[in-house]
């Protein structure tokens, strides 16, 4: 029994020694086999094509199963990256859209101001008169008081009683000049009374406000016939306003009372012109001649 056990141990030792030797030389053997396969493939590429195809066919399912998790992970990473990029682009587009909206509103404002200034060119006072262009900053918003506030005052040369023009004609007069802003009483106010001339018949009258959209002509002789379409302009009586400033036209005659509609709507224009009084212009010219035109 002892002899058999001793013989078994020898066999085990030999097997272990063989495994160690094989493990030691197996890398060299594998490298040699790989080199032979590479050289043979270079010499005759078609030699191992069948084996490669067979191996590929057998390994394809295994590679598909092994690579599927990596493909899923790659797709997930790609979707996350694409979603992040989409969110960044969306945020950028929102910012650009907001900026475009601001530019659009600014463009509309500039367009309205430009149109208001262009409209003022239609009613330029006589060459020997001067005027001050100002922006309308507020209106009374009341049915009982018809006034507007303009952004020009005494530091700009505005004085009480000066005529104020809109886009097509006179709309009121200055009643409260401040240092930097002034209040204008509109012609439509019931307290407004302006000396005018009816063109065509050359008849003087008083244009009175009614707190409504239309005004009336008063102090007319009974035998004077006023027709629709007759233009109404300032008469210059009293020296308060220049002569010939356009105001409006007769649109109807109700029980002998001519109804007048203003050429210019005081609430639609963003800018107005304040016309200096003729006597103030004469004084200004005299001062300019003495000072060399510095004022």
C-alpha atoms as a PDB file:
ATOM      1  CA  UNK A   1       0.000   0.000   0.000  1.00  0.00           C
ATOM      2  CA  UNK A   2       2.821   2.293   0.776  1.00  0.00           C
ATOM      3  CA  UNK A   3       4.370   1.603  -2.607  1.00  0.00           C
ATOM      4  CA  UNK A   4       1.132   2.593  -4.389  1.00  0.00           C
ATOM      5  CA  UNK A   5       0.836   5.789  -2.416  1.00  0.00           C
ATOM      6  CA  UNK A   6       4.399   6.706  -3.167  1.00  0.00           C
ATOM      7  CA  UNK A   7       3.823   6.075  -6.848  1.00  0.00           C
ATOM      8  CA  UNK A   8       0.684   8.272  -6.859  1.00  0.00           C
ATOM      9  CA  UNK A   9       2.585  11.136  -5.279  1.00  0.00           C
ATOM     10  CA  UNK A  10       5.227  10.897  -7.973  1.00  0.00           C
ATOM     11  CA  UNK A  11       2.594  11.069 -10.673  1.00  0.00           C
ATOM     12  CA  UNK A  12       1.046  14.140  -9.073  1.00  0.00           C
ATOM     13  CA  UNK A  13       4.420  15.850  -8.817  1.00  0.00           C
ATOM     14  CA  UNK A  14       5.174  15.110 -12.446  1.00  0.00           C
ATOM     15  CA  UNK A  15       1.794  16.471 -13.544  1.00  0.00           C
ATOM     16  CA  UNK A  16       2.312  19.615 -11.526  1.00  0.00           C
ATOM     17  CA  UNK A  17       5.791  20.033 -12.966  1.00  0.00           C
ATOM     18  CA  UNK A  18       4.405  19.640 -16.482  1.00  0.00           C
ATOM     19  CA  UNK A  19       1.688  22.231 -15.849  1.00  0.00           C
ATOM     20  CA  UNK A  20       4.296  24.667 -14.562  1.00  0.00           C
ATOM     21  CA  UNK A  21       6.478  24.110 -17.616  1.00  0.00           C
ATOM     22  CA  UNK A  22       3.532  24.498 -19.975  1.00  0.00           C
ATOM     23  CA  UNK A  23       2.439  27.673 -18.177  1.00  0.00           C
ATOM     24  CA  UNK A  24       5.996  29.027 -18.413  1.00  0.00           C
ATOM     25  CA  UNK A  25       6.387  28.386 -22.128  1.00  0.00           C
ATOM     26  CA  UNK A  26       2.757  28.872 -23.231  1.00  0.00           C
ATOM     27  CA  UNK A  27       3.129  32.649 -23.941  1.00  0.00           C
ATOM     28  CA  UNK A  28       6.079  31.905 -26.161  1.00  0.00           C
ATOM     29  CA  UNK A  29       4.172  29.121 -27.867  1.00  0.00           C
ATOM     30  CA  UNK A  30       1.112  31.306 -28.399  1.00  0.00           C
ATOM     31  CA  UNK A  31       3.283  34.103 -29.738  1.00  0.00           C
ATOM     32  CA  UNK A  32       4.918  31.667 -32.115  1.00  0.00           C
ATOM     33  CA  UNK A  33       1.563  30.342 -33.304  1.00  0.00           C
ATOM     34  CA  UNK A  34       0.286  33.874 -33.793  1.00  0.00           C
ATOM     35  CA  UNK A  35       3.395  34.788 -35.763  1.00  0.00           C
ATOM     36  CA  UNK A  36       2.954  31.722 -37.999  1.00  0.00           C
ATOM     37  CA  UNK A  37      -0.688  32.624 -38.568  1.00  0.00           C
ATOM     38  CA  UNK A  38       0.226  36.232 -39.385  1.00  0.00           C
ATOM     39  CA  UNK A  39       2.964  35.201 -41.809  1.00  0.00           C
ATOM     40  CA  UNK A  40       0.739  32.677 -43.492  1.00  0.00           C
ATOM     41  CA  UNK A  41      -2.015  35.284 -43.826  1.00  0.00           C
ATOM     42  CA  UNK A  42       0.407  37.680 -45.457  1.00  0.00           C
ATOM     43  CA  UNK A  43       1.699  35.024 -47.847  1.00  0.00           C
ATOM     44  CA  UNK A  44      -1.742  33.642 -48.681  1.00  0.00           C
ATOM     45  CA  UNK A  45      -4.618  35.912 -47.477  1.00  0.00           C
ATOM     46  CA  UNK A  46      -7.262  33.427 -48.550  1.00  0.00           C
ATOM     47  CA  UNK A  47      -5.771  30.601 -46.445  1.00  0.00           C
ATOM     48  CA  UNK A  48      -7.589  31.435 -43.213  1.00  0.00           C
ATOM     49  CA  UNK A  49     -10.599  33.282 -44.676  1.00  0.00           C
ATOM     50  CA  UNK A  50     -12.904  30.329 -44.094  1.00  0.00           C
ATOM     51  CA  UNK A  51     -11.740  29.966 -40.501  1.00  0.00           C
ATOM     52  CA  UNK A  52     -12.161  33.694 -39.891  1.00  0.00           C
ATOM     53  CA  UNK A  53     -15.670  33.669 -41.304  1.00  0.00           C
ATOM     54  CA  UNK A  54     -16.603  30.636 -39.241  1.00  0.00           C
ATOM     55  CA  UNK A  55     -15.177  32.231 -36.112  1.00  0.00           C
ATOM     56  CA  UNK A  56     -16.986  35.493 -36.862  1.00  0.00           C
ATOM     57  CA  UNK A  57     -20.275  33.649 -37.340  1.00  0.00           C
ATOM     58  CA  UNK A  58     -19.840  31.842 -34.051  1.00  0.00           C
ATOM     59  CA  UNK A  59     -18.697  34.895 -32.109  1.00  0.00           C
ATOM     60  CA  UNK A  60     -21.244  37.345 -33.564  1.00  0.00           C
ATOM     61  CA  UNK A  61     -24.084  36.421 -31.153  1.00  0.00           C
ATOM     62  CA  UNK A  62     -21.684  36.493 -28.212  1.00  0.00           C
ATOM     63  CA  UNK A  63     -20.294  39.867 -29.235  1.00  0.00           C
ATOM     64  CA  UNK A  64     -23.831  41.200 -29.754  1.00  0.00           C
ATOM     65  CA  UNK A  65     -24.877  40.135 -26.245  1.00  0.00           C
ATOM     66  CA  UNK A  66     -21.680  41.457 -24.683  1.00  0.00           C
ATOM     67  CA  UNK A  67     -21.836  44.772 -26.616  1.00  0.00           C
ATOM     68  CA  UNK A  68     -25.531  45.468 -26.042  1.00  0.00           C
ATOM     69  CA  UNK A  69     -25.086  46.991 -22.540  1.00  0.00           C
ATOM     70  CA  UNK A  70     -22.328  49.222 -23.874  1.00  0.00           C
ATOM     71  CA  UNK A  71     -24.557  50.287 -26.789  1.00  0.00           C
ATOM     72  CA  UNK A  72     -27.411  51.083 -24.412  1.00  0.00           C
ATOM     73  CA  UNK A  73     -25.045  53.082 -22.213  1.00  0.00           C
ATOM     74  CA  UNK A  74     -23.677  54.921 -25.252  1.00  0.00           C
ATOM     75  CA  UNK A  75     -27.192  55.777 -26.447  1.00  0.00           C
ATOM     76  CA  UNK A  76     -28.170  56.998 -22.989  1.00  0.00           C
ATOM     77  CA  UNK A  77     -25.083  59.206 -22.771  1.00  0.00           C
ATOM     78  CA  UNK A  78     -25.793  60.526 -26.266  1.00  0.00           C
ATOM     79  CA  UNK A  79     -29.397  61.335 -25.359  1.00  0.00           C
ATOM     80  CA  UNK A  80     -28.314  63.106 -22.179  1.00  0.00           C
ATOM     81  CA  UNK A  81     -25.712  65.088 -24.092  1.00  0.00           C
ATOM     82  CA  UNK A  82     -28.241  65.968 -26.807  1.00  0.00           C
ATOM     83  CA  UNK A  83     -30.836  66.968 -24.199  1.00  0.00           C
ATOM     84  CA  UNK A  84     -28.327  69.212 -22.460  1.00  0.00           C
ATOM     85  CA  UNK A  85     -27.420  70.804 -25.788  1.00  0.00           C
ATOM     86  CA  UNK A  86     -31.089  71.295 -26.665  1.00  0.00           C
ATOM     87  CA  UNK A  87     -31.721  72.939 -23.293  1.00  0.00           C
ATOM     88  CA  UNK A  88     -28.744  75.265 -23.790  1.00  0.00           C
ATOM     89  CA  UNK A  89     -29.929  76.175 -27.285  1.00  0.00           C
ATOM     90  CA  UNK A  90     -33.474  76.709 -25.981  1.00  0.00           C
ATOM     91  CA  UNK A  91     -32.233  79.053 -23.265  1.00  0.00           C
ATOM     92  CA  UNK A  92     -30.166  80.962 -25.839  1.00  0.00           C
ATOM     93  CA  UNK A  93     -33.158  81.245 -28.174  1.00  0.00           C
ATOM     94  CA  UNK A  94     -35.345  82.518 -25.324  1.00  0.00           C
ATOM     95  CA  UNK A  95     -32.761  85.175 -24.469  1.00  0.00           C
ATOM     96  CA  UNK A  96     -32.478  86.205 -28.117  1.00  0.00           C
ATOM     97  CA  UNK A  97     -36.283  86.284 -28.426  1.00  0.00           C
ATOM     98  CA  UNK A  98     -36.575  88.541 -25.384  1.00  0.00           C
ATOM     99  CA  UNK A  99     -33.894  90.843 -26.799  1.00  0.00           C
ATOM    100  CA  UNK A 100     -35.663  90.935 -30.162  1.00  0.00           C
ATOM    101  CA  UNK A 101     -38.924  91.866 -28.427  1.00  0.00           C
ATOM    102  CA  UNK A 102     -37.155  94.752 -26.683  1.00  0.00           C
ATOM    103  CA  UNK A 103     -35.666  95.897 -29.983  1.00  0.00           C
ATOM    104  CA  UNK A 104     -39.084  95.590 -31.629  1.00  0.00           C
ATOM    105  CA  UNK A 105     -40.732  97.760 -28.977  1.00  0.00           C
ATOM    106  CA  UNK A 106     -37.898 100.283 -29.275  1.00  0.00           C
ATOM    107  CA  UNK A 107     -38.294 100.300 -33.054  1.00  0.00           C
ATOM    108  CA  UNK A 108     -42.049 100.901 -32.733  1.00  0.00           C
ATOM    109  CA  UNK A 109     -41.427 103.775 -30.317  1.00  0.00           C
ATOM    110  CA  UNK A 110     -38.843 105.346 -32.605  1.00  0.00           C
ATOM    111  CA  UNK A 111     -41.156 104.878 -35.577  1.00  0.00           C
ATOM    112  CA  UNK A 112     -44.003 106.635 -33.741  1.00  0.00           C
ATOM    113  CA  UNK A 113     -41.724 109.493 -32.679  1.00  0.00           C
ATOM    114  CA  UNK A 114     -40.332 109.790 -36.186  1.00  0.00           C
ATOM    115  CA  UNK A 115     -43.843 109.923 -37.634  1.00  0.00           C
ATOM    116  CA  UNK A 116     -44.860 112.593 -35.125  1.00  0.00           C
ATOM    117  CA  UNK A 117     -41.846 114.702 -36.065  1.00  0.00           C
ATOM    118  CA  UNK A 118     -42.567 114.210 -39.761  1.00  0.00           C
ATOM    119  CA  UNK A 119     -46.171 115.279 -39.233  1.00  0.00           C
ATOM    120  CA  UNK A 120     -44.993 118.513 -37.610  1.00  0.00           C
ATOM    121  CA  UNK A 121     -43.298 119.465 -40.879  1.00  0.00           C
ATOM    122  CA  UNK A 122     -46.749 119.913 -42.391  1.00  0.00           C
ATOM    123  CA  UNK A 123     -47.423 122.920 -40.144  1.00  0.00           C
ATOM    124  CA  UNK A 124     -44.335 125.099 -40.085  1.00  0.00           C
ATOM    125  CA  UNK A 125     -44.915 128.718 -38.959  1.00  0.00           C
ATOM    126  CA  UNK A 126     -44.005 131.637 -41.136  1.00  0.00           C
ATOM    127  CA  UNK A 127     -40.288 132.072 -41.827  1.00  0.00           C
ATOM    128  CA  UNK A 128     -40.081 135.115 -39.539  1.00  0.00           C
ATOM    129  CA  UNK A 129     -41.476 133.128 -36.596  1.00  0.00           C
ATOM    130  CA  UNK A 130     -39.648 130.708 -34.324  1.00  0.00           C
ATOM    131  CA  UNK A 131     -40.969 127.690 -32.482  1.00  0.00           C
ATOM    132  CA  UNK A 132     -39.943 125.107 -29.887  1.00  0.00           C
ATOM    133  CA  UNK A 133     -40.467 121.393 -30.529  1.00  0.00           C
ATOM    134  CA  UNK A 134     -41.428 119.453 -27.415  1.00  0.00           C
ATOM    135  CA  UNK A 135     -42.645 116.014 -26.421  1.00  0.00           C
ATOM    136  CA  UNK A 136     -46.078 115.428 -24.852  1.00  0.00           C
ATOM    137  CA  UNK A 137     -45.552 113.679 -21.530  1.00  0.00           C
ATOM    138  CA  UNK A 138     -49.092 113.580 -20.082  1.00  0.00           C
ATOM    139  CA  UNK A 139     -52.710 114.576 -20.621  1.00  0.00           C
ATOM    140  CA  UNK A 140     -55.514 115.408 -18.219  1.00  0.00           C
ATOM    141  CA  UNK A 141     -57.516 112.278 -19.036  1.00  0.00           C
ATOM    142  CA  UNK A 142     -60.646 114.077 -17.793  1.00  0.00           C
ATOM    143  CA  UNK A 143     -63.943 114.822 -19.460  1.00  0.00           C
ATOM    144  CA  UNK A 144     -64.137 118.209 -17.742  1.00  0.00           C
ATOM    145  CA  UNK A 145     -60.597 119.547 -18.183  1.00  0.00           C
ATOM    146  CA  UNK A 146     -58.852 119.355 -21.547  1.00  0.00           C
ATOM    147  CA  UNK A 147     -55.127 119.907 -21.045  1.00  0.00           C
ATOM    148  CA  UNK A 148     -51.825 118.261 -21.880  1.00  0.00           C
ATOM    149  CA  UNK A 149     -48.364 118.509 -20.303  1.00  0.00           C
ATOM    150  CA  UNK A 150     -45.346 119.113 -22.524  1.00  0.00           C
ATOM    151  CA  UNK A 151     -41.657 118.619 -21.756  1.00  0.00           C
ATOM    152  CA  UNK A 152     -40.566 122.227 -22.257  1.00  0.00           C
ATOM    153  CA  UNK A 153     -40.555 125.178 -19.903  1.00  0.00           C
ATOM    154  CA  UNK A 154     -39.255 128.642 -19.299  1.00  0.00           C
ATOM    155  CA  UNK A 155     -35.653 127.485 -19.619  1.00  0.00           C
ATOM    156  CA  UNK A 156     -36.535 126.557 -23.215  1.00  0.00           C
ATOM    157  CA  UNK A 157     -38.236 129.895 -23.917  1.00  0.00           C
ATOM    158  CA  UNK A 158     -41.843 128.822 -23.291  1.00  0.00           C
ATOM    159  CA  UNK A 159     -44.158 131.580 -22.037  1.00  0.00           C
ATOM    160  CA  UNK A 160     -47.786 131.860 -21.077  1.00  0.00           C
ATOM    161  CA  UNK A 161     -50.177 132.400 -23.975  1.00  0.00           C
ATOM    162  CA  UNK A 162     -48.037 130.902 -26.721  1.00  0.00           C
ATOM    163  CA  UNK A 163     -49.835 128.914 -29.408  1.00  0.00           C
ATOM    164  CA  UNK A 164     -49.208 125.162 -29.567  1.00  0.00           C
ATOM    165  CA  UNK A 165     -49.357 123.262 -32.867  1.00  0.00           C
ATOM    166  CA  UNK A 166     -50.017 119.602 -33.521  1.00  0.00           C
ATOM    167  CA  UNK A 167     -49.356 117.625 -36.680  1.00  0.00           C
ATOM    168  CA  UNK A 168     -51.885 119.509 -38.837  1.00  0.00           C
ATOM    169  CA  UNK A 169     -52.736 122.684 -36.985  1.00  0.00           C
ATOM    170  CA  UNK A 170     -53.166 124.554 -33.720  1.00  0.00           C
ATOM    171  CA  UNK A 171     -54.370 122.494 -30.746  1.00  0.00           C
ATOM    172  CA  UNK A 172     -54.118 124.881 -27.785  1.00  0.00           C
ATOM    173  CA  UNK A 173     -52.151 127.497 -25.867  1.00  0.00           C
ATOM    174  CA  UNK A 174     -49.755 127.536 -22.932  1.00  0.00           C
ATOM    175  CA  UNK A 175     -51.485 128.435 -19.652  1.00  0.00           C
ATOM    176  CA  UNK A 176     -49.003 127.290 -16.969  1.00  0.00           C
ATOM    177  CA  UNK A 177     -45.332 127.486 -17.998  1.00  0.00           C
ATOM    178  CA  UNK A 178     -43.006 125.786 -15.546  1.00  0.00           C
ATOM    179  CA  UNK A 179     -39.252 125.716 -15.522  1.00  0.00           C
ATOM    180  CA  UNK A 180     -38.976 122.339 -17.297  1.00  0.00           C
ATOM    181  CA  UNK A 181     -42.584 121.493 -18.203  1.00  0.00           C
ATOM    182  CA  UNK A 182     -45.677 123.456 -19.202  1.00  0.00           C
ATOM    183  CA  UNK A 183     -49.418 122.848 -19.227  1.00  0.00           C
ATOM    184  CA  UNK A 184     -51.351 123.490 -22.422  1.00  0.00           C
ATOM    185  CA  UNK A 185     -55.072 124.322 -22.504  1.00  0.00           C
ATOM    186  CA  UNK A 186     -56.564 122.575 -25.515  1.00  0.00           C
ATOM    187  CA  UNK A 187     -58.892 124.379 -27.913  1.00  0.00           C
ATOM    188  CA  UNK A 188     -61.573 121.800 -27.140  1.00  0.00           C
ATOM    189  CA  UNK A 189     -61.758 122.885 -23.474  1.00  0.00           C
ATOM    190  CA  UNK A 190     -64.929 124.794 -22.619  1.00  0.00           C
ATOM    191  CA  UNK A 191     -62.816 127.638 -21.218  1.00  0.00           C
ATOM    192  CA  UNK A 192     -60.943 128.115 -24.507  1.00  0.00           C
ATOM    193  CA  UNK A 193     -61.902 131.090 -26.710  1.00  0.00           C
ATOM    194  CA  UNK A 194     -59.677 131.982 -29.671  1.00  0.00           C
ATOM    195  CA  UNK A 195     -60.143 134.824 -32.181  1.00  0.00           C
ATOM    196  CA  UNK A 196     -60.280 133.328 -35.681  1.00  0.00           C
ATOM    197  CA  UNK A 197     -61.093 134.125 -39.294  1.00  0.00           C
ATOM    198  CA  UNK A 198     -63.380 132.087 -41.537  1.00  0.00           C
ATOM    199  CA  UNK A 199     -61.619 131.814 -44.868  1.00  0.00           C
ATOM    200  CA  UNK A 200     -63.700 132.371 -47.984  1.00  0.00           C
ATOM    201  CA  UNK A 201     -65.987 134.938 -46.368  1.00  0.00           C
ATOM    202  CA  UNK A 202     -63.161 136.632 -44.453  1.00  0.00           C
ATOM    203  CA  UNK A 203     -65.361 136.817 -41.366  1.00  0.00           C
ATOM    204  CA  UNK A 204     -63.921 137.207 -37.884  1.00  0.00           C
ATOM    205  CA  UNK A 205     -65.356 135.107 -35.076  1.00  0.00           C
ATOM    206  CA  UNK A 206     -64.543 133.402 -31.781  1.00  0.00           C
ATOM    207  CA  UNK A 207     -63.802 129.689 -31.720  1.00  0.00           C
ATOM    208  CA  UNK A 208     -65.154 128.226 -28.471  1.00  0.00           C
ATOM    209  CA  UNK A 209     -64.484 124.808 -26.965  1.00  0.00           C
ATOM    210  CA  UNK A 210     -67.263 122.480 -25.850  1.00  0.00           C
ATOM    211  CA  UNK A 211     -65.302 119.769 -23.979  1.00  0.00           C
ATOM    212  CA  UNK A 212     -66.231 117.528 -26.897  1.00  0.00           C
ATOM    213  CA  UNK A 213     -64.704 116.492 -30.183  1.00  0.00           C
ATOM    214  CA  UNK A 214     -66.160 119.491 -32.052  1.00  0.00           C
ATOM    215  CA  UNK A 215     -65.980 123.230 -31.427  1.00  0.00           C
ATOM    216  CA  UNK A 216     -68.366 126.053 -32.342  1.00  0.00           C
ATOM    217  CA  UNK A 217     -68.063 129.512 -33.894  1.00  0.00           C
ATOM    218  CA  UNK A 218     -69.615 132.338 -31.909  1.00  0.00           C
ATOM    219  CA  UNK A 219     -70.001 136.140 -32.291  1.00  0.00           C
ATOM    220  CA  UNK A 220     -70.951 135.831 -35.940  1.00  0.00           C
ATOM    221  CA  UNK A 221     -73.338 138.266 -37.645  1.00  0.00           C
ATOM    222  CA  UNK A 222     -76.704 136.709 -38.430  1.00  0.00           C
ATOM    223  CA  UNK A 223     -76.519 137.550 -42.121  1.00  0.00           C
ATOM    224  CA  UNK A 224     -73.194 135.746 -42.685  1.00  0.00           C
ATOM    225  CA  UNK A 225     -73.541 132.387 -44.441  1.00  0.00           C
ATOM    226  CA  UNK A 226     -70.933 129.831 -43.393  1.00  0.00           C
ATOM    227  CA  UNK A 227     -70.692 126.700 -45.543  1.00  0.00           C
ATOM    228  CA  UNK A 228     -69.268 123.278 -44.859  1.00  0.00           C
ATOM    229  CA  UNK A 229     -65.574 122.915 -45.648  1.00  0.00           C
ATOM    230  CA  UNK A 230     -64.682 126.500 -44.736  1.00  0.00           C
ATOM    231  CA  UNK A 231     -61.217 126.639 -43.165  1.00  0.00           C
ATOM    232  CA  UNK A 232     -60.694 128.283 -39.798  1.00  0.00           C
ATOM    233  CA  UNK A 233     -57.396 130.040 -39.044  1.00  0.00           C
ATOM    234  CA  UNK A 234     -56.147 132.374 -36.316  1.00  0.00           C
ATOM    235  CA  UNK A 235     -56.907 136.037 -36.889  1.00  0.00           C
ATOM    236  CA  UNK A 236     -54.028 137.483 -34.836  1.00  0.00           C
ATOM    237  CA  UNK A 237     -56.420 139.865 -33.072  1.00  0.00           C
ATOM    238  CA  UNK A 238     -54.929 141.082 -29.796  1.00  0.00           C
ATOM    239  CA  UNK A 239     -51.437 139.989 -30.767  1.00  0.00           C
ATOM    240  CA  UNK A 240     -51.611 136.780 -28.725  1.00  0.00           C
ATOM    241  CA  UNK A 241     -51.298 134.378 -31.665  1.00  0.00           C
ATOM    242  CA  UNK A 242     -49.678 134.771 -35.082  1.00  0.00           C
ATOM    243  CA  UNK A 243     -52.032 135.317 -37.996  1.00  0.00           C
ATOM    244  CA  UNK A 244     -52.998 132.437 -40.247  1.00  0.00           C
ATOM    245  CA  UNK A 245     -52.276 129.408 -38.092  1.00  0.00           C
ATOM    246  CA  UNK A 246     -54.548 126.581 -39.362  1.00  0.00           C
ATOM    247  CA  UNK A 247     -57.043 125.266 -36.825  1.00  0.00           C
ATOM    248  CA  UNK A 248     -59.826 123.276 -38.480  1.00  0.00           C
ATOM    249  CA  UNK A 249     -62.779 123.298 -40.848  1.00  0.00           C
ATOM    250  CA  UNK A 250     -66.551 123.649 -40.646  1.00  0.00           C
ATOM    251  CA  UNK A 251     -68.150 120.204 -40.806  1.00  0.00           C
ATOM    252  CA  UNK A 252     -71.763 121.157 -40.090  1.00  0.00           C
ATOM    253  CA  UNK A 253     -74.092 124.049 -39.318  1.00  0.00           C
ATOM    254  CA  UNK A 254     -76.611 123.312 -36.552  1.00  0.00           C
ATOM    255  CA  UNK A 255     -79.377 125.926 -36.079  1.00  0.00           C
ATOM    256  CA  UNK A 256     -77.151 128.609 -37.514  1.00  0.00           C
ATOM    257  CA  UNK A 257     -74.150 127.636 -35.377  1.00  0.00           C
ATOM    258  CA  UNK A 258     -71.134 126.407 -37.387  1.00  0.00           C
ATOM    259  CA  UNK A 259     -69.568 123.223 -36.007  1.00  0.00           C
ATOM    260  CA  UNK A 260     -65.782 122.999 -36.364  1.00  0.00           C
ATOM    261  CA  UNK A 261     -63.538 119.953 -36.345  1.00  0.00           C
ATOM    262  CA  UNK A 262     -59.842 120.435 -35.575  1.00  0.00           C
ATOM    263  CA  UNK A 263     -57.272 119.496 -38.181  1.00  0.00           C
ATOM    264  CA  UNK A 264     -55.035 117.907 -35.555  1.00  0.00           C
ATOM    265  CA  UNK A 265     -55.992 115.479 -32.800  1.00  0.00           C
ATOM    266  CA  UNK A 266     -54.087 116.590 -29.676  1.00  0.00           C
ATOM    267  CA  UNK A 267     -54.072 113.075 -28.215  1.00  0.00           C
ATOM    268  CA  UNK A 268     -52.514 111.183 -31.129  1.00  0.00           C
ATOM    269  CA  UNK A 269     -49.276 113.102 -31.698  1.00  0.00           C
ATOM    270  CA  UNK A 270     -46.241 112.537 -29.516  1.00  0.00           C
ATOM    271  CA  UNK A 271     -44.692 115.924 -30.273  1.00  0.00           C
ATOM    272  CA  UNK A 272     -45.934 119.515 -30.535  1.00  0.00           C
ATOM    273  CA  UNK A 273     -44.571 122.905 -31.551  1.00  0.00           C
ATOM    274  CA  UNK A 274     -44.765 125.946 -29.303  1.00  0.00           C
ATOM    275  CA  UNK A 275     -44.899 129.102 -31.418  1.00  0.00           C
ATOM    276  CA  UNK A 276     -43.299 132.193 -29.960  1.00  0.00           C
ATOM    277  CA  UNK A 277     -45.316 135.384 -29.909  1.00  0.00           C
ATOM    278  CA  UNK A 278     -44.504 137.887 -32.655  1.00  0.00           C
ATOM    279  CA  UNK A 279     -43.406 140.566 -30.199  1.00  0.00           C
ATOM    280  CA  UNK A 280     -41.091 138.106 -28.435  1.00  0.00           C
ATOM    281  CA  UNK A 281     -39.506 137.256 -31.761  1.00  0.00           C
ATOM    282  CA  UNK A 282     -38.881 140.951 -32.436  1.00  0.00           C
ATOM    283  CA  UNK A 283     -37.246 141.368 -29.050  1.00  0.00           C
ATOM    284  CA  UNK A 284     -35.162 138.243 -29.663  1.00  0.00           C
ATOM    285  CA  UNK A 285     -33.986 139.589 -33.037  1.00  0.00           C
ATOM    286  CA  UNK A 286     -33.021 142.902 -31.421  1.00  0.00           C
ATOM    287  CA  UNK A 287     -31.079 141.143 -28.709  1.00  0.00           C
ATOM    288  CA  UNK A 288     -29.389 138.901 -31.245  1.00  0.00           C
ATOM    289  CA  UNK A 289     -28.335 141.914 -33.300  1.00  0.00           C
ATOM    290  CA  UNK A 290     -26.798 143.485 -30.211  1.00  0.00           C
ATOM    291  CA  UNK A 291     -25.129 140.302 -28.975  1.00  0.00           C
ATOM    292  CA  UNK A 292     -23.983 139.020 -32.324  1.00  0.00           C
ATOM    293  CA  UNK A 293     -26.631 136.304 -32.585  1.00  0.00           C
ATOM    294  CA  UNK A 294     -25.611 134.361 -29.463  1.00  0.00           C
ATOM    295  CA  UNK A 295     -29.146 133.963 -28.164  1.00  0.00           C
END
